[in-house]
C-alpha atoms as a PDB file:
ATOM      1  CA  MET A   1       0.007   0.003  -0.001  1.00  0.00           C
ATOM      2  CA  SER A   2       1.138   3.532  -0.566  1.00  0.00           C
ATOM      3  CA  GLY A   3       2.554   5.861   2.071  1.00  0.00           C
ATOM      4  CA  ASN A   4      -0.477   8.121   1.646  1.00  0.00           C
ATOM      5  CA  ASP A   5      -2.959   5.374   2.542  1.00  0.00           C
ATOM      6  CA  PRO A   6      -4.420   6.372   5.928  1.00  0.00           C
ATOM      7  CA  LEU A   7      -5.644   2.801   6.457  1.00  0.00           C
ATOM      8  CA  SER A   8      -2.368   1.017   5.661  1.00  0.00           C
ATOM      9  CA  ASP A   9      -1.980  -0.144   9.299  1.00  0.00           C
ATOM     10  CA  PRO A  10      -5.595  -0.710  10.372  1.00  0.00           C
ATOM     11  CA  ALA A  11      -5.198  -2.696  13.618  1.00  0.00           C
ATOM     12  CA  PRO A  12      -4.152   0.206  15.922  1.00  0.00           C
ATOM     13  CA  LEU A  13      -6.644   2.504  14.188  1.00  0.00           C
ATOM     14  CA  ILE A  14      -9.515   0.089  14.792  1.00  0.00           C
ATOM     15  CA  ARG A  15      -8.549  -0.211  18.479  1.00  0.00           C
ATOM     16  CA  ALA A  16      -8.344   3.575  18.902  1.00  0.00           C
ATOM     17  CA  VAL A  17     -11.657   4.230  17.123  1.00  0.00           C
ATOM     18  CA  TYR A  18     -13.397   1.499  19.122  1.00  0.00           C
ATOM     19  CA  ALA A  19     -11.950   2.894  22.375  1.00  0.00           C
ATOM     20  CA  TYR A  20     -13.180   6.383  21.463  1.00  0.00           C
ATOM     21  CA  ALA A  21     -16.629   5.060  20.544  1.00  0.00           C
ATOM     22  CA  ALA A  22     -16.826   2.890  23.671  1.00  0.00           C
ATOM     23  CA  TYR A  23     -15.921   5.899  25.805  1.00  0.00           C
ATOM     24  CA  ARG A  24     -18.760   7.858  24.252  1.00  0.00           C
ATOM     25  CA  VAL A  25     -21.528   5.263  23.863  1.00  0.00           C
ATOM     26  CA  GLY A  26     -20.438   2.321  26.025  1.00  0.00           C
ATOM     27  CA  HIS A  27     -18.702  -0.954  25.260  1.00  0.00           C
ATOM     28  CA  GLY A  28     -20.387  -3.529  23.122  1.00  0.00           C
ATOM     29  CA  ALA A  29     -22.652  -3.496  20.123  1.00  0.00           C
ATOM     30  CA  ASP A  30     -23.113   0.292  19.927  1.00  0.00           C
ATOM     31  CA  ALA A  31     -19.363   0.951  19.922  1.00  0.00           C
ATOM     32  CA  GLU A  32     -18.872  -1.847  17.386  1.00  0.00           C
ATOM     33  CA  ASP A  33     -21.559  -0.305  15.146  1.00  0.00           C
ATOM     34  CA  VAL A  34     -19.930   3.125  15.332  1.00  0.00           C
ATOM     35  CA  THR A  35     -16.510   1.619  14.580  1.00  0.00           C
ATOM     36  CA  SER A  36     -17.907  -0.255  11.581  1.00  0.00           C
ATOM     37  CA  GLU A  37     -19.611   2.852  10.272  1.00  0.00           C
ATOM     38  CA  VAL A  38     -16.400   4.884  10.673  1.00  0.00           C
ATOM     39  CA  PHE A  39     -14.349   2.431   8.637  1.00  0.00           C
ATOM     40  CA  GLU A  40     -17.093   2.071   6.041  1.00  0.00           C
ATOM     41  CA  ARG A  41     -17.040   5.847   5.534  1.00  0.00           C
ATOM     42  CA  ALA A  42     -13.232   5.939   5.673  1.00  0.00           C
ATOM     43  CA  LEU A  43     -12.980   3.333   2.910  1.00  0.00           C
ATOM     44  CA  ARG A  44     -15.591   5.136   0.842  1.00  0.00           C
ATOM     45  CA  TYR A  45     -13.872   8.529   1.201  1.00  0.00           C
ATOM     46  CA  LYS A  46     -10.243   7.422   1.512  1.00  0.00           C
ATOM     47  CA  ALA A  47      -9.263   9.550  -1.491  1.00  0.00           C
ATOM     48  CA  SER A  48     -10.328  12.689   0.399  1.00  0.00           C
ATOM     49  CA  TYR A  49      -7.833  12.071   3.236  1.00  0.00           C
ATOM     50  CA  ASP A  50      -5.246  14.849   3.362  1.00  0.00           C
ATOM     51  CA  PRO A  51      -2.178  14.053   5.500  1.00  0.00           C
ATOM     52  CA  ALA A  52      -1.406  17.777   5.685  1.00  0.00           C
ATOM     53  CA  ARG A  53      -4.605  18.255   7.699  1.00  0.00           C
ATOM     54  CA  GLY A  54      -3.851  15.621  10.340  1.00  0.00           C
ATOM     55  CA  THR A  55      -3.001  12.055  11.210  1.00  0.00           C
ATOM     56  CA  PRO A  56      -5.148   9.111  10.211  1.00  0.00           C
ATOM     57  CA  ILE A  57      -6.411   8.720  13.793  1.00  0.00           C
ATOM     58  CA  ALA A  58      -7.420  12.396  13.862  1.00  0.00           C
ATOM     59  CA  TRP A  59      -9.314  11.903  10.616  1.00  0.00           C
ATOM     60  CA  LEU A  60     -11.015   8.732  11.894  1.00  0.00           C
ATOM     61  CA  THR A  61     -11.994  10.178  15.278  1.00  0.00           C
ATOM     62  CA  GLY A  62     -13.511  13.137  13.448  1.00  0.00           C
ATOM     63  CA  ILE A  63     -15.611  10.698  11.453  1.00  0.00           C
ATOM     64  CA  ALA A  64     -16.492   8.849  14.682  1.00  0.00           C
ATOM     65  CA  HIS A  65     -17.542  12.100  16.331  1.00  0.00           C
ATOM     66  CA  ARG A  66     -19.933  12.814  13.464  1.00  0.00           C
ATOM     67  CA  CYS A  67     -21.279   9.235  13.573  1.00  0.00           C
ATOM     68  CA  ILE A  68     -21.922   9.477  17.310  1.00  0.00           C
ATOM     69  CA  GLY A  69     -23.487  12.914  16.847  1.00  0.00           C
ATOM     70  CA  GLY A  70     -26.058  11.236  14.610  1.00  0.00           C
ATOM     71  CA  LEU A  71     -27.177   8.841  17.343  1.00  0.00           C
ATOM     72  CA  ARG A  72     -30.322   9.512  19.293  1.00  0.00           C
ATOM     73  CA  PRO A  73     -29.501  10.981  22.731  1.00  0.00           C
ATOM     74  CA  ALA A  74     -30.709   7.813  24.465  1.00  0.00           C
ATOM     75  CA  ASP A  75     -28.202   5.764  22.424  1.00  0.00           C
ATOM     76  CA  ALA A  76     -25.269   7.865  23.604  1.00  0.00           C
ATOM     77  CA  ALA A  77     -26.396   8.563  27.149  1.00  0.00           C
ATOM     78  CA  LEU A  78     -24.409   6.348  29.490  1.00  0.00           C
ATOM     79  CA  PRO A  79     -20.932   5.290  28.437  1.00  0.00           C
ATOM     80  CA  ASP A  80     -19.121   2.690  30.532  1.00  0.00           C
ATOM     81  CA  HIS A  81     -15.766   4.244  31.402  1.00  0.00           C
ATOM     82  CA  GLU A  82     -13.642   5.835  34.046  1.00  0.00           C
ATOM     83  CA  LEU A  83     -12.044   9.265  34.051  1.00  0.00           C
ATOM     84  CA  GLU A  84      -8.723   8.867  35.864  1.00  0.00           C
ATOM     85  CA  HIS A  85     -10.776   7.727  38.797  1.00  0.00           C
ATOM     86  CA  GLU A  86      -9.606   4.926  41.043  1.00  0.00           C
ATOM     87  CA  PRO A  87     -12.345   3.430  43.160  1.00  0.00           C
ATOM     88  CA  THR A  88     -11.559   3.745  46.840  1.00  0.00           C
ATOM     89  CA  GLY A  89     -13.821   0.951  48.076  1.00  0.00           C
ATOM     90  CA  THR A  90     -12.707  -2.624  48.126  1.00  0.00           C
ATOM     91  CA  SER A  91     -16.035  -4.216  47.327  1.00  0.00           C
ATOM     92  CA  LEU A  92     -17.416  -4.736  43.859  1.00  0.00           C
ATOM     93  CA  GLU A  93     -20.566  -2.904  44.878  1.00  0.00           C
ATOM     94  CA  SER A  94     -18.729   0.271  45.907  1.00  0.00           C
ATOM     95  CA  GLU A  95     -16.594   0.139  42.752  1.00  0.00           C
ATOM     96  CA  VAL A  96     -19.688  -0.102  40.545  1.00  0.00           C
ATOM     97  CA  VAL A  97     -21.386   2.743  42.431  1.00  0.00           C
ATOM     98  CA  GLU A  98     -18.310   4.954  41.994  1.00  0.00           C
ATOM     99  CA  ARG A  99     -18.035   4.155  38.289  1.00  0.00           C
ATOM    100  CA  MET A 100     -21.697   4.957  37.812  1.00  0.00           C
ATOM    101  CA  ALA A 101     -21.171   8.275  39.585  1.00  0.00           C
ATOM    102  CA  VAL A 102     -18.320   9.142  37.227  1.00  0.00           C
ATOM    103  CA  VAL A 103     -20.451   8.200  34.218  1.00  0.00           C
ATOM    104  CA  ALA A 104     -23.321  10.349  35.514  1.00  0.00           C
ATOM    105  CA  ALA A 105     -20.948  13.276  36.069  1.00  0.00           C
ATOM    106  CA  VAL A 106     -19.483  13.053  32.567  1.00  0.00           C
ATOM    107  CA  VAL A 107     -22.950  12.786  30.966  1.00  0.00           C
ATOM    108  CA  ARG A 108     -23.878  16.112  32.606  1.00  0.00           C
ATOM    109  CA  LEU A 109     -21.008  17.914  30.842  1.00  0.00           C
ATOM    110  CA  ASP A 110     -21.524  19.910  27.699  1.00  0.00           C
ATOM    111  CA  PRO A 111     -20.941  18.008  24.422  1.00  0.00           C
ATOM    112  CA  ARG A 112     -17.594  19.728  23.770  1.00  0.00           C
ATOM    113  CA  SER A 113     -16.213  18.652  27.149  1.00  0.00           C
ATOM    114  CA  GLN A 114     -17.492  15.104  26.619  1.00  0.00           C
ATOM    115  CA  HIS A 115     -15.781  15.064  23.210  1.00  0.00           C
ATOM    116  CA  LEU A 116     -12.483  16.333  24.669  1.00  0.00           C
ATOM    117  CA  LEU A 117     -12.529  13.740  27.432  1.00  0.00           C
ATOM    118  CA  ALA A 118     -13.376  10.980  24.951  1.00  0.00           C
ATOM    119  CA  LEU A 119     -10.492  11.984  22.688  1.00  0.00           C
ATOM    120  CA  ARG A 120      -8.070  12.088  25.614  1.00  0.00           C
ATOM    121  CA  TYR A 121      -9.163   9.098  27.679  1.00  0.00           C
ATOM    122  CA  GLY A 122     -11.171   7.085  25.184  1.00  0.00           C
ATOM    123  CA  ALA A 123      -8.970   7.317  22.093  1.00  0.00           C
ATOM    124  CA  ASP A 124      -5.884   7.958  24.261  1.00  0.00           C
ATOM    125  CA  LEU A 125      -4.745  10.857  22.091  1.00  0.00           C
ATOM    126  CA  SER A 126      -2.177  13.378  23.225  1.00  0.00           C
ATOM    127  CA  THR A 127      -3.154  17.007  23.732  1.00  0.00           C
ATOM    128  CA  ARG A 128      -1.161  17.870  20.600  1.00  0.00           C
ATOM    129  CA  GLU A 129      -3.179  15.331  18.556  1.00  0.00           C
ATOM    130  CA  ILE A 130      -6.436  16.614  20.009  1.00  0.00           C
ATOM    131  CA  GLY A 131      -5.392  20.140  19.114  1.00  0.00           C
ATOM    132  CA  GLY A 132      -4.819  19.018  15.540  1.00  0.00           C
ATOM    133  CA  ILE A 133      -8.295  17.491  15.374  1.00  0.00           C
ATOM    134  CA  LEU A 134     -10.053  20.490  16.895  1.00  0.00           C
ATOM    135  CA  GLY A 135      -7.871  23.215  15.437  1.00  0.00           C
ATOM    136  CA  LEU A 136      -6.669  24.326  18.881  1.00  0.00           C
ATOM    137  CA  LYS A 137      -3.247  24.956  20.337  1.00  0.00           C
ATOM    138  CA  LYS A 138      -1.892  22.358  22.751  1.00  0.00           C
ATOM    139  CA  ASN A 139      -2.198  24.765  25.684  1.00  0.00           C
ATOM    140  CA  ALA A 140      -5.843  25.501  24.877  1.00  0.00           C
ATOM    141  CA  VAL A 141      -6.583  21.768  24.876  1.00  0.00           C
ATOM    142  CA  GLU A 142      -4.808  21.327  28.205  1.00  0.00           C
ATOM    143  CA  VAL A 143      -6.829  24.152  29.747  1.00  0.00           C
ATOM    144  CA  ALA A 144     -10.106  22.811  28.346  1.00  0.00           C
ATOM    145  CA  LEU A 145      -9.325  19.290  29.625  1.00  0.00           C
ATOM    146  CA  HIS A 146      -8.404  20.673  33.040  1.00  0.00           C
ATOM    147  CA  ARG A 147     -11.699  22.544  33.228  1.00  0.00           C
ATOM    148  CA  ALA A 148     -13.667  19.478  32.122  1.00  0.00           C
ATOM    149  CA  ARG A 149     -11.960  17.326  34.754  1.00  0.00           C
ATOM    150  CA  ASP A 150     -12.690  19.993  37.381  1.00  0.00           C
ATOM    151  CA  ARG A 151     -16.374  20.005  36.403  1.00  0.00           C
ATOM    152  CA  VAL A 152     -16.441  16.215  36.751  1.00  0.00           C
ATOM    153  CA  ARG A 153     -14.779  16.442  40.181  1.00  0.00           C
ATOM    154  CA  HIS A 154     -17.220  19.138  41.263  1.00  0.00           C
ATOM    155  CA  GLU A 155     -20.152  17.024  40.128  1.00  0.00           C
ATOM    156  CA  LEU A 156     -18.770  13.995  41.951  1.00  0.00           C
ATOM    157  CA  GLU A 157     -18.395  16.050  45.127  1.00  0.00           C
ATOM    158  CA  ARG A 158     -21.935  17.333  44.731  1.00  0.00           C
ATOM    159  CA  GLN A 159     -23.224  13.774  44.280  1.00  0.00           C
ATOM    160  CA  SER A 160     -21.260  12.535  47.270  1.00  0.00           C
ATOM    161  CA  PHE A 161     -22.476  15.160  49.687  1.00  0.00           C
ATOM    162  CA  GLY A 162     -25.926  15.949  48.320  1.00  0.00           C
ATOM    163  CA  PRO A 163     -28.090  19.041  48.775  1.00  0.00           C
ATOM    164  CA  ALA A 164     -27.939  19.007  52.584  1.00  0.00           C
ATOM    165  CA  HIS A 165     -24.164  19.308  52.492  1.00  0.00           C
ATOM    166  CA  ASP A 166     -24.388  22.102  49.897  1.00  0.00           C
ATOM    167  CA  ARG A 167     -26.731  24.083  52.200  1.00  0.00           C
ATOM    168  CA  ALA A 168     -24.482  23.500  55.205  1.00  0.00           C
ATOM    169  CA  ALA A 169     -21.407  24.525  53.217  1.00  0.00           C
ATOM    170  CA  SER A 170     -23.189  27.679  51.996  1.00  0.00           C
ATOM    171  CA  ALA A 171     -24.214  28.560  55.564  1.00  0.00           C
ATOM    172  CA  THR A 172     -20.617  28.082  56.757  1.00  0.00           C
ATOM    173  CA  VAL A 173     -19.306  30.388  54.010  1.00  0.00           C
ATOM    174  CA  GLU A 174     -21.952  33.052  54.845  1.00  0.00           C
ATOM    175  CA  ARG A 175     -21.021  32.914  58.555  1.00  0.00           C
ATOM    176  CA  ALA A 176     -17.343  33.243  57.720  1.00  0.00           C
ATOM    177  CA  GLN A 177     -18.006  36.317  55.547  1.00  0.00           C
ATOM    178  CA  ALA A 178     -20.145  38.041  58.211  1.00  0.00           C
END
């Protein structure tokens, strides 16, 4: 195959696209369907690939993003993944509860933040590669990822403590300011 063929080494590309899709829509049939659709489109439009515009994985994750964007919201609602989050409990039950909390926190993010986190932790792309896909500088990607992770952490804290804790914390802050 020629050096310009973006699909000349498909095995790592398939793994990366599947990982991205699984991060966004959950492992299993849905991620497999997205991966299949991505490679179907990639084969159909292979001649349009321009190496000057990005790497093959950047091109393929862009296709995957558009495929996932076409899913109904219910199809893409609850991915099965972690976000640099190590469960602290030792039981399977506590680990599952913590993973579900992370999933719920990520689902509450805006679509751009979900996409950034999926590119970073699902497709395991570097911030430089993500920047190439999104047309951003590496630093801008790092800042956006940091903010998305902070929003996830904030949501996890909110879930852990609940509304009663939020009211108590607000009352403590008001007393301290008085």
